[in-house]
Amino acid sequence: MYLHVADSETLPPGWTKIVQFYSLSIISENPQLTVKREGGFNRVFNAEDECWGFPSFIPLSELNEPSKGFLVGDVCTVEAEVRLNNEEQDKKENEKADQKPTAAETEKTTSKFDALFVDIQNILEGENNKSDNSVSRFGPPSWTIEETVYAKNIFKQCLDIDLDNVIQLGRDFELKKSLSILLSSNAFPENMVDEITKFVANFVQSCEQYEVAKQDLREVQEKEKTIEDLKTDMNQISSEFFPIRNQAEVVDNEIAELERQLIERKAKKARLGKMLEVLAGRATTSKQALVGAEQDQEKLSMLKKKEAEKVIAGIKRSWESLKLGYSNMLW
């Protein structure tokens, strides 16, 4: 994603715009997920360098991920923050350019054809990048000593940091331009020219491939970490499982023993119940016999009592009669 000077064809010859600072952002519905990348400082935009930016901004898979919130329907919102140099300085730069045409302007007629053949060479070498006419194998160098020294400094600065920071800090485009200036200024030994030329030609594509590969690597590492985390969780679960499982087994055995005892108790209860039923039957029969016997005994006793009382009363009456009859005779 690149920041490009709009309507540059309407600007005067030799125009220059100096951007003190710029940043590009892809806005997410969740502000915390918004991706913002900042470019370098004091970027110079002119007819030869109309754009600065990042060859690889965000992986397409991440952009299309619904949970990231970058796409709302089919709309992606991109925000650019640009801090220009003051107009007075731009004006001075433009006036200076009008007064002193650059070598590139004096060679404009040949540069048109040189650019065509540079594009052809880039296509043959597999380059796939934004337009950059700064690399040319035709004609004499078109850069000033100051620009060449500046390019060397940029190159040295980039060599002091790793590739990640070069891309993340937005210095990849700056590095490519500095290498292009140094190539066209014959600043490299002859034995290095072909290698660096190929590196510059494939630099943008390589950066994009690098970012995609890094994203793939991050995804693999995240999955590996997820697997390691799951394994750690499984080990923790296993270490907690076996003691609890042993306790559960003890309880199961206790329950089994209690169930066995319960079965025995129930069987004993059933046996005792049957014995009680038998005893109850015998008791009921005995009770009925006893009640009948008592009733018979009661009836018999009453009859015998009455009969006995009757006999006794009769005998007593006979005795009294005998006593009365014979007493008169004896006295």
C-alpha atoms as a PDB file:
ATOM      1  CA  MET A   1       0.000   0.000   0.000  1.00  0.00           C
ATOM      2  CA  TYR A   2       1.502   3.293  -1.129  1.00  0.00           C
ATOM      3  CA  LEU A   3       1.016   7.024  -0.609  1.00  0.00           C
ATOM      4  CA  HIS A   4       0.910   8.636  -4.055  1.00  0.00           C
ATOM      5  CA  VAL A   5       0.961  12.286  -5.133  1.00  0.00           C
ATOM      6  CA  ALA A   6      -2.401  13.006  -6.744  1.00  0.00           C
ATOM      7  CA  ASP A   7      -2.641  14.883 -10.055  1.00  0.00           C
ATOM      8  CA  SER A   8       1.142  15.044 -10.321  1.00  0.00           C
ATOM      9  CA  GLU A   9       0.870  15.726 -14.057  1.00  0.00           C
ATOM     10  CA  THR A  10      -0.610  19.129 -13.233  1.00  0.00           C
ATOM     11  CA  LEU A  11       2.382  20.172 -11.116  1.00  0.00           C
ATOM     12  CA  PRO A  12       5.162  22.341 -12.594  1.00  0.00           C
ATOM     13  CA  PRO A  13       8.324  20.710 -13.970  1.00  0.00           C
ATOM     14  CA  GLY A  14      10.868  19.881 -11.280  1.00  0.00           C
ATOM     15  CA  TRP A  15       8.213  19.897  -8.540  1.00  0.00           C
ATOM     16  CA  THR A  16       9.120  18.536  -5.119  1.00  0.00           C
ATOM     17  CA  LYS A  17       7.019  17.775  -2.061  1.00  0.00           C
ATOM     18  CA  ILE A  18       8.679  17.040   1.263  1.00  0.00           C
ATOM     19  CA  VAL A  19       6.612  14.999   3.714  1.00  0.00           C
ATOM     20  CA  GLN A  20       7.864  15.328   7.272  1.00  0.00           C
ATOM     21  CA  PHE A  21       5.875  12.296   8.420  1.00  0.00           C
ATOM     22  CA  TYR A  22       3.182   9.949   7.134  1.00  0.00           C
ATOM     23  CA  SER A  23       1.312   6.870   8.254  1.00  0.00           C
ATOM     24  CA  LEU A  24      -1.147   4.474   6.638  1.00  0.00           C
ATOM     25  CA  SER A  25      -3.834   2.563   8.545  1.00  0.00           C
ATOM     26  CA  ILE A  26      -6.396  -0.115   7.786  1.00  0.00           C
ATOM     27  CA  ILE A  27      -9.315   0.609  10.108  1.00  0.00           C
ATOM     28  CA  SER A  28     -11.015  -2.170  12.077  1.00  0.00           C
ATOM     29  CA  GLU A  29     -14.404  -2.021  13.768  1.00  0.00           C
ATOM     30  CA  ASN A  30     -12.428  -2.887  16.889  1.00  0.00           C
ATOM     31  CA  PRO A  31     -10.012   0.043  17.351  1.00  0.00           C
ATOM     32  CA  GLN A  32      -7.524  -2.229  19.109  1.00  0.00           C
ATOM     33  CA  LEU A  33      -7.165  -4.331  15.942  1.00  0.00           C
ATOM     34  CA  THR A  34      -6.569  -1.380  13.588  1.00  0.00           C
ATOM     35  CA  VAL A  35      -3.273  -1.848  11.734  1.00  0.00           C
ATOM     36  CA  LYS A  36      -1.174   1.312  11.507  1.00  0.00           C
ATOM     37  CA  ARG A  37       2.266   1.576   9.960  1.00  0.00           C
ATOM     38  CA  GLU A  38       4.396   4.689   9.984  1.00  0.00           C
ATOM     39  CA  GLY A  39       6.723   5.700   7.165  1.00  0.00           C
ATOM     40  CA  GLY A  40      10.090   7.360   7.512  1.00  0.00           C
ATOM     41  CA  PHE A  41      10.730  11.053   8.038  1.00  0.00           C
ATOM     42  CA  ASN A  42      11.292  13.777   5.440  1.00  0.00           C
ATOM     43  CA  ARG A  43      10.274  11.704   2.447  1.00  0.00           C
ATOM     44  CA  VAL A  44      10.842  13.547  -0.850  1.00  0.00           C
ATOM     45  CA  PHE A  45       8.174  13.200  -3.523  1.00  0.00           C
ATOM     46  CA  ASN A  46       9.027  14.330  -7.045  1.00  0.00           C
ATOM     47  CA  ALA A  47       8.448  13.375 -10.660  1.00  0.00           C
ATOM     48  CA  GLU A  48      10.706  10.346 -10.325  1.00  0.00           C
ATOM     49  CA  ASP A  49       9.444   9.231  -6.919  1.00  0.00           C
ATOM     50  CA  GLU A  50       5.730   9.917  -6.794  1.00  0.00           C
ATOM     51  CA  CYS A  51       4.948   7.311  -4.143  1.00  0.00           C
ATOM     52  CA  TRP A  52       6.278   5.967  -0.853  1.00  0.00           C
ATOM     53  CA  GLY A  53       4.813   3.158   1.189  1.00  0.00           C
ATOM     54  CA  PHE A  54       4.850  -0.509   2.037  1.00  0.00           C
ATOM     55  CA  PRO A  55       5.081  -3.348  -0.504  1.00  0.00           C
ATOM     56  CA  SER A  56       3.417  -5.678   2.000  1.00  0.00           C
ATOM     57  CA  PHE A  57       1.050  -4.132   4.501  1.00  0.00           C
ATOM     58  CA  ILE A  58      -1.170  -6.928   5.866  1.00  0.00           C
ATOM     59  CA  PRO A  59      -1.691 -10.585   4.846  1.00  0.00           C
ATOM     60  CA  LEU A  60      -4.782 -11.078   2.698  1.00  0.00           C
ATOM     61  CA  SER A  61      -5.990 -13.892   4.969  1.00  0.00           C
ATOM     62  CA  GLU A  62      -5.972 -11.513   7.945  1.00  0.00           C
ATOM     63  CA  LEU A  63      -7.720  -8.796   5.941  1.00  0.00           C
ATOM     64  CA  ASN A  64     -10.519 -11.230   5.012  1.00  0.00           C
ATOM     65  CA  GLU A  65     -10.859 -12.666   8.522  1.00  0.00           C
ATOM     66  CA  PRO A  66     -14.370 -11.623   9.734  1.00  0.00           C
ATOM     67  CA  SER A  67     -13.322 -11.533  13.392  1.00  0.00           C
ATOM     68  CA  LYS A  68     -10.706  -8.866  12.615  1.00  0.00           C
ATOM     69  CA  GLY A  69     -13.383  -6.384  11.478  1.00  0.00           C
ATOM     70  CA  PHE A  70     -11.427  -4.909   8.561  1.00  0.00           C
ATOM     71  CA  LEU A  71     -14.200  -5.567   6.036  1.00  0.00           C
ATOM     72  CA  VAL A  72     -17.648  -4.159   6.757  1.00  0.00           C
ATOM     73  CA  GLY A  73     -19.805  -5.674   4.070  1.00  0.00           C
ATOM     74  CA  ASP A  74     -17.467  -5.293   1.134  1.00  0.00           C
ATOM     75  CA  VAL A  75     -15.933  -1.993   2.294  1.00  0.00           C
ATOM     76  CA  CYS A  76     -12.404  -1.611   3.671  1.00  0.00           C
ATOM     77  CA  THR A  77     -11.510   1.761   5.209  1.00  0.00           C
ATOM     78  CA  VAL A  78      -7.950   3.032   4.733  1.00  0.00           C
ATOM     79  CA  GLU A  79      -6.728   6.113   6.574  1.00  0.00           C
ATOM     80  CA  ALA A  80      -3.676   8.187   5.676  1.00  0.00           C
ATOM     81  CA  GLU A  81      -2.049  10.745   7.959  1.00  0.00           C
ATOM     82  CA  VAL A  82       0.317  13.126   6.179  1.00  0.00           C
ATOM     83  CA  ARG A  83       2.375  15.932   7.685  1.00  0.00           C
ATOM     84  CA  LEU A  84       3.797  18.154   4.947  1.00  0.00           C
ATOM     85  CA  ASN A  85       6.741  20.476   5.200  1.00  0.00           C
ATOM     86  CA  ASN A  86       5.757  24.142   5.328  1.00  0.00           C
ATOM     87  CA  GLU A  87       4.649  25.615   2.016  1.00  0.00           C
ATOM     88  CA  GLU A  88       7.464  28.141   2.015  1.00  0.00           C
ATOM     89  CA  GLN A  89      10.103  25.436   1.953  1.00  0.00           C
ATOM     90  CA  ASP A  90       8.226  23.557  -0.784  1.00  0.00           C
ATOM     91  CA  LYS A  91       8.021  26.773  -2.736  1.00  0.00           C
ATOM     92  CA  LYS A  92      11.779  27.321  -2.399  1.00  0.00           C
ATOM     93  CA  GLU A  93      12.440  23.762  -3.489  1.00  0.00           C
ATOM     94  CA  ASN A  94      10.195  24.190  -6.538  1.00  0.00           C
ATOM     95  CA  GLU A  95      11.784  27.549  -7.408  1.00  0.00           C
ATOM     96  CA  LYS A  96      15.209  25.958  -7.078  1.00  0.00           C
ATOM     97  CA  ALA A  97      14.141  23.161  -9.381  1.00  0.00           C
ATOM     98  CA  ASP A  98      12.810  25.664 -11.946  1.00  0.00           C
ATOM     99  CA  GLN A  99      16.079  27.621 -11.902  1.00  0.00           C
ATOM    100  CA  LYS A 100      18.407  24.585 -12.073  1.00  0.00           C
ATOM    101  CA  PRO A 101      17.091  21.773 -14.193  1.00  0.00           C
ATOM    102  CA  THR A 102      18.310  18.418 -12.981  1.00  0.00           C
ATOM    103  CA  ALA A 103      20.287  16.007 -15.071  1.00  0.00           C
ATOM    104  CA  ALA A 104      17.208  13.846 -15.291  1.00  0.00           C
ATOM    105  CA  GLU A 105      15.304  16.719 -16.921  1.00  0.00           C
ATOM    106  CA  THR A 106      18.052  17.489 -19.417  1.00  0.00           C
ATOM    107  CA  GLU A 107      18.038  13.846 -20.396  1.00  0.00           C
ATOM    108  CA  LYS A 108      14.275  13.582 -20.454  1.00  0.00           C
ATOM    109  CA  THR A 109      14.176  12.577 -24.149  1.00  0.00           C
ATOM    110  CA  THR A 110      16.434   9.563 -23.640  1.00  0.00           C
ATOM    111  CA  SER A 111      15.009   8.756 -20.214  1.00  0.00           C
ATOM    112  CA  LYS A 112      11.643   7.937 -21.783  1.00  0.00           C
ATOM    113  CA  PHE A 113      13.237   5.188 -23.823  1.00  0.00           C
ATOM    114  CA  ASP A 114      15.534   4.112 -20.998  1.00  0.00           C
ATOM    115  CA  ALA A 115      12.519   3.648 -18.731  1.00  0.00           C
ATOM    116  CA  LEU A 116      10.841   1.475 -21.361  1.00  0.00           C
ATOM    117  CA  PHE A 117      13.836  -0.833 -21.587  1.00  0.00           C
ATOM    118  CA  VAL A 118      14.276  -0.879 -17.806  1.00  0.00           C
ATOM    119  CA  ASP A 119      10.673  -2.082 -17.559  1.00  0.00           C
ATOM    120  CA  ILE A 120      11.386  -4.716 -20.182  1.00  0.00           C
ATOM    121  CA  GLN A 121      14.461  -5.850 -18.258  1.00  0.00           C
ATOM    122  CA  ASN A 122      12.494  -5.937 -15.016  1.00  0.00           C
ATOM    123  CA  ILE A 123       9.791  -8.055 -16.646  1.00  0.00           C
ATOM    124  CA  LEU A 124      12.423 -10.457 -17.986  1.00  0.00           C
ATOM    125  CA  GLU A 125      13.974 -10.637 -14.509  1.00  0.00           C
ATOM    126  CA  GLY A 126      10.577 -11.283 -12.907  1.00  0.00           C
ATOM    127  CA  GLU A 127      10.137  -7.920 -11.169  1.00  0.00           C
ATOM    128  CA  ASN A 128       6.646  -7.061  -9.978  1.00  0.00           C
ATOM    129  CA  ASN A 129       6.648  -3.728  -8.242  1.00  0.00           C
ATOM    130  CA  LYS A 130       5.469  -0.161  -8.278  1.00  0.00           C
ATOM    131  CA  SER A 131       6.853   2.089 -10.987  1.00  0.00           C
ATOM    132  CA  ASP A 132      10.406   3.079 -10.170  1.00  0.00           C
ATOM    133  CA  ASN A 133      12.481   4.678 -12.854  1.00  0.00           C
ATOM    134  CA  SER A 134      15.471   5.185 -10.610  1.00  0.00           C
ATOM    135  CA  VAL A 135      17.334   2.081 -11.870  1.00  0.00           C
ATOM    136  CA  SER A 136      18.749   2.571 -15.313  1.00  0.00           C
ATOM    137  CA  ARG A 137      21.494   0.818 -17.142  1.00  0.00           C
ATOM    138  CA  PHE A 138      21.452   3.391 -19.897  1.00  0.00           C
ATOM    139  CA  GLY A 139      23.278   6.667 -20.083  1.00  0.00           C
ATOM    140  CA  PRO A 140      25.443   8.381 -17.463  1.00  0.00           C
ATOM    141  CA  PRO A 141      24.432   8.649 -13.761  1.00  0.00           C
ATOM    142  CA  SER A 142      21.752  11.285 -13.150  1.00  0.00           C
ATOM    143  CA  TRP A 143      22.356  11.750  -9.410  1.00  0.00           C
ATOM    144  CA  THR A 144      24.260  14.480  -7.623  1.00  0.00           C
ATOM    145  CA  ILE A 145      27.112  13.789  -5.228  1.00  0.00           C
ATOM    146  CA  GLU A 146      24.884  14.789  -2.322  1.00  0.00           C
ATOM    147  CA  GLU A 147      22.170  12.329  -3.409  1.00  0.00           C
ATOM    148  CA  THR A 148      24.756   9.571  -3.799  1.00  0.00           C
ATOM    149  CA  VAL A 149      26.203  10.259  -0.326  1.00  0.00           C
ATOM    150  CA  TYR A 150      22.701  10.333   1.128  1.00  0.00           C
ATOM    151  CA  ALA A 151      21.927   7.000  -0.581  1.00  0.00           C
ATOM    152  CA  LYS A 152      25.091   5.475   0.911  1.00  0.00           C
ATOM    153  CA  ASN A 153      24.064   6.654   4.369  1.00  0.00           C
ATOM    154  CA  ILE A 154      20.586   5.163   3.940  1.00  0.00           C
ATOM    155  CA  PHE A 155      22.117   1.904   2.739  1.00  0.00           C
ATOM    156  CA  LYS A 156      24.463   1.782   5.740  1.00  0.00           C
ATOM    157  CA  GLN A 157      21.621   2.547   8.143  1.00  0.00           C
ATOM    158  CA  CYS A 158      19.531  -0.279   6.682  1.00  0.00           C
ATOM    159  CA  LEU A 159      22.459  -2.690   6.923  1.00  0.00           C
ATOM    160  CA  ASP A 160      22.653  -1.976  10.660  1.00  0.00           C
ATOM    161  CA  ILE A 161      19.104  -3.239  11.266  1.00  0.00           C
ATOM    162  CA  ASP A 162      17.461  -6.537  10.409  1.00  0.00           C
ATOM    163  CA  LEU A 163      15.056  -7.035   7.520  1.00  0.00           C
ATOM    164  CA  ASP A 164      12.004  -7.084   9.810  1.00  0.00           C
ATOM    165  CA  ASN A 165      12.705  -3.539  10.968  1.00  0.00           C
ATOM    166  CA  VAL A 166      13.476  -2.379   7.441  1.00  0.00           C
ATOM    167  CA  ILE A 167       9.996  -3.507   6.352  1.00  0.00           C
ATOM    168  CA  GLN A 168       8.119  -2.589   9.538  1.00  0.00           C
ATOM    169  CA  LEU A 169       9.619   0.906   9.634  1.00  0.00           C
ATOM    170  CA  GLY A 170       8.703   1.454   5.982  1.00  0.00           C
ATOM    171  CA  ARG A 171      12.329   1.759   4.923  1.00  0.00           C
ATOM    172  CA  ASP A 172      12.109  -0.955   2.261  1.00  0.00           C
ATOM    173  CA  PHE A 173      11.136   1.523  -0.442  1.00  0.00           C
ATOM    174  CA  GLU A 174      13.860   3.883   0.803  1.00  0.00           C
ATOM    175  CA  LEU A 175      16.435   1.075   0.693  1.00  0.00           C
ATOM    176  CA  LYS A 176      15.463   0.144  -2.847  1.00  0.00           C
ATOM    177  CA  LYS A 177      15.781   3.734  -4.003  1.00  0.00           C
ATOM    178  CA  SER A 178      19.194   4.143  -2.366  1.00  0.00           C
ATOM    179  CA  LEU A 179      20.445   0.952  -4.025  1.00  0.00           C
ATOM    180  CA  SER A 180      19.094   2.181  -7.356  1.00  0.00           C
ATOM    181  CA  ILE A 181      20.962   5.482  -6.950  1.00  0.00           C
ATOM    182  CA  LEU A 182      24.176   3.683  -6.006  1.00  0.00           C
ATOM    183  CA  LEU A 183      23.826   1.305  -8.960  1.00  0.00           C
ATOM    184  CA  SER A 184      23.293   4.106 -11.435  1.00  0.00           C
ATOM    185  CA  SER A 185      26.219   5.993  -9.846  1.00  0.00           C
ATOM    186  CA  ASN A 186      28.528   2.993 -10.297  1.00  0.00           C
ATOM    187  CA  ALA A 187      29.168   2.912  -6.546  1.00  0.00           C
ATOM    188  CA  PHE A 188      29.440  -0.880  -6.387  1.00  0.00           C
ATOM    189  CA  PRO A 189      32.301  -3.081  -7.601  1.00  0.00           C
ATOM    190  CA  GLU A 190      31.658  -4.686 -10.971  1.00  0.00           C
ATOM    191  CA  ASN A 191      31.431  -8.172  -9.465  1.00  0.00           C
ATOM    192  CA  MET A 192      28.532  -7.053  -7.245  1.00  0.00           C
ATOM    193  CA  VAL A 193      26.476  -5.148  -9.817  1.00  0.00           C
ATOM    194  CA  ASP A 194      24.551  -8.112 -11.238  1.00  0.00           C
ATOM    195  CA  GLU A 195      23.706  -9.488  -7.800  1.00  0.00           C
ATOM    196  CA  ILE A 196      22.514  -6.118  -6.459  1.00  0.00           C
ATOM    197  CA  THR A 197      20.625  -5.340  -9.673  1.00  0.00           C
ATOM    198  CA  LYS A 198      18.763  -8.628  -9.352  1.00  0.00           C
ATOM    199  CA  PHE A 199      18.148  -7.951  -5.653  1.00  0.00           C
ATOM    200  CA  VAL A 200      16.661  -4.513  -6.432  1.00  0.00           C
ATOM    201  CA  ALA A 201      14.565  -5.881  -9.299  1.00  0.00           C
ATOM    202  CA  ASN A 202      12.989  -8.536  -7.058  1.00  0.00           C
ATOM    203  CA  PHE A 203      13.012  -6.537  -3.814  1.00  0.00           C
ATOM    204  CA  VAL A 204       9.326  -5.580  -3.648  1.00  0.00           C
ATOM    205  CA  GLN A 205       8.189  -9.064  -4.593  1.00  0.00           C
ATOM    206  CA  SER A 206      10.657 -10.551  -2.095  1.00  0.00           C
ATOM    207  CA  CYS A 207       9.308  -8.282   0.650  1.00  0.00           C
ATOM    208  CA  GLU A 208       5.785  -9.391  -0.117  1.00  0.00           C
ATOM    209  CA  GLN A 209       6.834 -13.036  -0.131  1.00  0.00           C
ATOM    210  CA  TYR A 210       8.755 -12.439   3.093  1.00  0.00           C
ATOM    211  CA  GLU A 211       5.688 -10.985   4.815  1.00  0.00           C
ATOM    212  CA  VAL A 212       3.466 -13.820   3.566  1.00  0.00           C
ATOM    213  CA  ALA A 213       6.048 -16.382   4.698  1.00  0.00           C
ATOM    214  CA  LYS A 214       6.299 -14.665   8.089  1.00  0.00           C
ATOM    215  CA  GLN A 215       2.516 -14.778   8.423  1.00  0.00           C
ATOM    216  CA  ASP A 216       2.530 -18.461   7.488  1.00  0.00           C
ATOM    217  CA  LEU A 217       5.304 -19.048  10.012  1.00  0.00           C
ATOM    218  CA  ARG A 218       3.351 -17.169  12.693  1.00  0.00           C
ATOM    219  CA  GLU A 219       0.284 -19.286  11.971  1.00  0.00           C
ATOM    220  CA  VAL A 220       2.344 -22.475  12.194  1.00  0.00           C
ATOM    221  CA  GLN A 221       4.003 -21.281  15.403  1.00  0.00           C
ATOM    222  CA  GLU A 222       0.619 -20.328  16.858  1.00  0.00           C
ATOM    223  CA  LYS A 223      -0.722 -23.780  16.024  1.00  0.00           C
ATOM    224  CA  GLU A 224       2.384 -25.390  17.487  1.00  0.00           C
ATOM    225  CA  LYS A 225       1.967 -23.272  20.613  1.00  0.00           C
ATOM    226  CA  THR A 226      -1.706 -24.228  20.757  1.00  0.00           C
ATOM    227  CA  ILE A 227      -0.734 -27.890  20.521  1.00  0.00           C
ATOM    228  CA  GLU A 228       1.922 -27.454  23.242  1.00  0.00           C
ATOM    229  CA  ASP A 229      -0.592 -25.627  25.438  1.00  0.00           C
ATOM    230  CA  LEU A 230      -3.118 -28.426  24.883  1.00  0.00           C
ATOM    231  CA  LYS A 231      -0.486 -31.028  25.729  1.00  0.00           C
ATOM    232  CA  THR A 232       0.379 -29.111  28.898  1.00  0.00           C
ATOM    233  CA  ASP A 233      -3.306 -28.956  29.790  1.00  0.00           C
ATOM    234  CA  MET A 234      -3.658 -32.683  29.094  1.00  0.00           C
ATOM    235  CA  ASN A 235      -0.687 -33.463  31.335  1.00  0.00           C
ATOM    236  CA  GLN A 236      -2.173 -31.308  34.067  1.00  0.00           C
ATOM    237  CA  ILE A 237      -5.554 -32.977  33.622  1.00  0.00           C
ATOM    238  CA  SER A 238      -3.914 -36.415  33.705  1.00  0.00           C
ATOM    239  CA  SER A 239      -2.007 -35.571  36.895  1.00  0.00           C
ATOM    240  CA  GLU A 240      -5.303 -34.503  38.480  1.00  0.00           C
ATOM    241  CA  PHE A 241      -7.295 -37.385  36.978  1.00  0.00           C
ATOM    242  CA  PHE A 242      -5.523 -40.429  38.449  1.00  0.00           C
ATOM    243  CA  PRO A 243      -5.752 -39.466  42.161  1.00  0.00           C
ATOM    244  CA  ILE A 244      -9.435 -38.591  41.739  1.00  0.00           C
ATOM    245  CA  ARG A 245      -9.977 -41.765  39.713  1.00  0.00           C
ATOM    246  CA  ASN A 246      -8.405 -43.832  42.533  1.00  0.00           C
ATOM    247  CA  GLN A 247     -10.641 -42.149  45.091  1.00  0.00           C
ATOM    248  CA  ALA A 248     -13.665 -42.832  42.898  1.00  0.00           C
ATOM    249  CA  GLU A 249     -12.624 -46.502  42.623  1.00  0.00           C
ATOM    250  CA  VAL A 250     -12.406 -46.759  46.421  1.00  0.00           C
ATOM    251  CA  VAL A 251     -15.875 -45.240  46.754  1.00  0.00           C
ATOM    252  CA  ASP A 252     -17.200 -47.593  44.051  1.00  0.00           C
ATOM    253  CA  ASN A 253     -15.807 -50.568  45.980  1.00  0.00           C
ATOM    254  CA  GLU A 254     -17.352 -49.261  49.181  1.00  0.00           C
ATOM    255  CA  ILE A 255     -20.695 -48.823  47.415  1.00  0.00           C
ATOM    256  CA  ALA A 256     -20.394 -52.338  45.932  1.00  0.00           C
ATOM    257  CA  GLU A 257     -19.726 -53.766  49.407  1.00  0.00           C
ATOM    258  CA  LEU A 258     -22.625 -51.812  50.849  1.00  0.00           C
ATOM    259  CA  GLU A 259     -24.851 -52.986  48.011  1.00  0.00           C
ATOM    260  CA  ARG A 260     -23.767 -56.605  48.656  1.00  0.00           C
ATOM    261  CA  GLN A 261     -24.527 -56.180  52.352  1.00  0.00           C
ATOM    262  CA  LEU A 262     -27.831 -54.577  51.480  1.00  0.00           C
ATOM    263  CA  ILE A 263     -28.730 -57.528  49.264  1.00  0.00           C
ATOM    264  CA  GLU A 264     -27.863 -59.885  52.139  1.00  0.00           C
ATOM    265  CA  ARG A 265     -29.906 -57.799  54.551  1.00  0.00           C
ATOM    266  CA  LYS A 266     -32.832 -57.775  52.161  1.00  0.00           C
ATOM    267  CA  ALA A 267     -32.629 -61.575  51.762  1.00  0.00           C
ATOM    268  CA  LYS A 268     -32.468 -62.009  55.523  1.00  0.00           C
ATOM    269  CA  LYS A 269     -35.387 -59.626  55.863  1.00  0.00           C
ATOM    270  CA  ALA A 270     -37.344 -61.718  53.365  1.00  0.00           C
ATOM    271  CA  ARG A 271     -36.533 -64.937  55.291  1.00  0.00           C
ATOM    272  CA  LEU A 272     -37.497 -63.354  58.589  1.00  0.00           C
ATOM    273  CA  GLY A 273     -40.671 -62.033  56.993  1.00  0.00           C
ATOM    274  CA  LYS A 274     -41.647 -65.535  55.875  1.00  0.00           C
ATOM    275  CA  MET A 275     -40.891 -66.901  59.345  1.00  0.00           C
ATOM    276  CA  LEU A 276     -43.035 -64.172  60.848  1.00  0.00           C
ATOM    277  CA  GLU A 277     -45.821 -65.023  58.428  1.00  0.00           C
ATOM    278  CA  VAL A 278     -45.654 -68.672  59.489  1.00  0.00           C
ATOM    279  CA  LEU A 279     -45.619 -67.719  63.162  1.00  0.00           C
ATOM    280  CA  ALA A 280     -48.442 -65.291  62.592  1.00  0.00           C
ATOM    281  CA  GLY A 281     -50.465 -68.054  60.930  1.00  0.00           C
ATOM    282  CA  ARG A 282     -49.803 -70.419  63.816  1.00  0.00           C
ATOM    283  CA  ALA A 283     -50.564 -67.650  66.300  1.00  0.00           C
ATOM    284  CA  THR A 284     -53.817 -66.866  64.545  1.00  0.00           C
ATOM    285  CA  THR A 285     -54.809 -70.555  64.600  1.00  0.00           C
ATOM    286  CA  SER A 286     -53.820 -70.890  68.266  1.00  0.00           C
ATOM    287  CA  LYS A 287     -55.664 -67.720  69.103  1.00  0.00           C
ATOM    288  CA  GLN A 288     -58.807 -68.947  67.423  1.00  0.00           C
ATOM    289  CA  ALA A 289     -58.493 -72.343  69.199  1.00  0.00           C
ATOM    290  CA  LEU A 290     -57.907 -70.612  72.501  1.00  0.00           C
ATOM    291  CA  VAL A 291     -60.878 -68.334  72.088  1.00  0.00           C
ATOM    292  CA  GLY A 292     -63.077 -71.325  71.181  1.00  0.00           C
ATOM    293  CA  ALA A 293     -61.731 -73.333  74.066  1.00  0.00           C
ATOM    294  CA  GLU A 294     -62.273 -70.521  76.481  1.00  0.00           C
ATOM    295  CA  GLN A 295     -65.809 -70.027  75.222  1.00  0.00           C
ATOM    296  CA  ASP A 296     -66.509 -73.789  75.556  1.00  0.00           C
ATOM    297  CA  GLN A 297     -64.869 -73.829  78.948  1.00  0.00           C
ATOM    298  CA  GLU A 298     -66.938 -70.924  80.076  1.00  0.00           C
ATOM    299  CA  LYS A 299     -70.170 -72.569  78.966  1.00  0.00           C
ATOM    300  CA  LEU A 300     -69.124 -75.909  80.546  1.00  0.00           C
ATOM    301  CA  SER A 301     -68.091 -74.286  83.744  1.00  0.00           C
ATOM    302  CA  MET A 302     -71.399 -72.495  84.109  1.00  0.00           C
ATOM    303  CA  LEU A 303     -73.357 -75.693  83.603  1.00  0.00           C
ATOM    304  CA  LYS A 304     -71.168 -77.689  85.965  1.00  0.00           C
ATOM    305  CA  LYS A 305     -71.315 -74.915  88.511  1.00  0.00           C
ATOM    306  CA  LYS A 306     -75.061 -74.795  88.415  1.00  0.00           C
ATOM    307  CA  GLU A 307     -75.272 -78.593  88.547  1.00  0.00           C
ATOM    308  CA  ALA A 308     -72.790 -78.769  91.392  1.00  0.00           C
ATOM    309  CA  GLU A 309     -74.542 -76.028  93.305  1.00  0.00           C
ATOM    310  CA  LYS A 310     -77.847 -77.822  92.758  1.00  0.00           C
ATOM    311  CA  VAL A 311     -76.433 -81.144  94.005  1.00  0.00           C
ATOM    312  CA  ILE A 312     -74.829 -79.521  96.986  1.00  0.00           C
ATOM    313  CA  ALA A 313     -78.020 -77.635  97.844  1.00  0.00           C
ATOM    314  CA  GLY A 314     -80.070 -80.857  97.570  1.00  0.00           C
ATOM    315  CA  ILE A 315     -77.713 -82.812  99.755  1.00  0.00           C
ATOM    316  CA  LYS A 316     -77.680 -80.011 102.284  1.00  0.00           C
ATOM    317  CA  ARG A 317     -81.446 -79.928 102.323  1.00  0.00           C
ATOM    318  CA  SER A 318     -81.554 -83.726 102.846  1.00  0.00           C
ATOM    319  CA  TRP A 319     -79.120 -83.444 105.674  1.00  0.00           C
ATOM    320  CA  GLU A 320     -81.018 -80.723 107.375  1.00  0.00           C
ATOM    321  CA  SER A 321     -84.215 -82.680 106.986  1.00  0.00           C
ATOM    322  CA  LEU A 322     -82.534 -85.753 108.436  1.00  0.00           C
ATOM    323  CA  LYS A 323     -81.190 -83.820 111.332  1.00  0.00           C
ATOM    324  CA  LEU A 324     -84.553 -82.305 112.093  1.00  0.00           C
ATOM    325  CA  GLY A 325     -86.415 -85.644 111.887  1.00  0.00           C
ATOM    326  CA  TYR A 326     -84.121 -87.659 114.071  1.00  0.00           C
ATOM    327  CA  SER A 327     -83.390 -84.985 116.653  1.00  0.00           C
ATOM    328  CA  ASN A 328     -86.999 -85.135 117.951  1.00  0.00           C
ATOM    329  CA  MET A 329     -86.710 -88.834 118.229  1.00  0.00           C
ATOM    330  CA  LEU A 330     -83.557 -88.752 120.302  1.00  0.00           C
ATOM    331  CA  TRP A 331     -84.645 -86.146 122.770  1.00  0.00           C
END
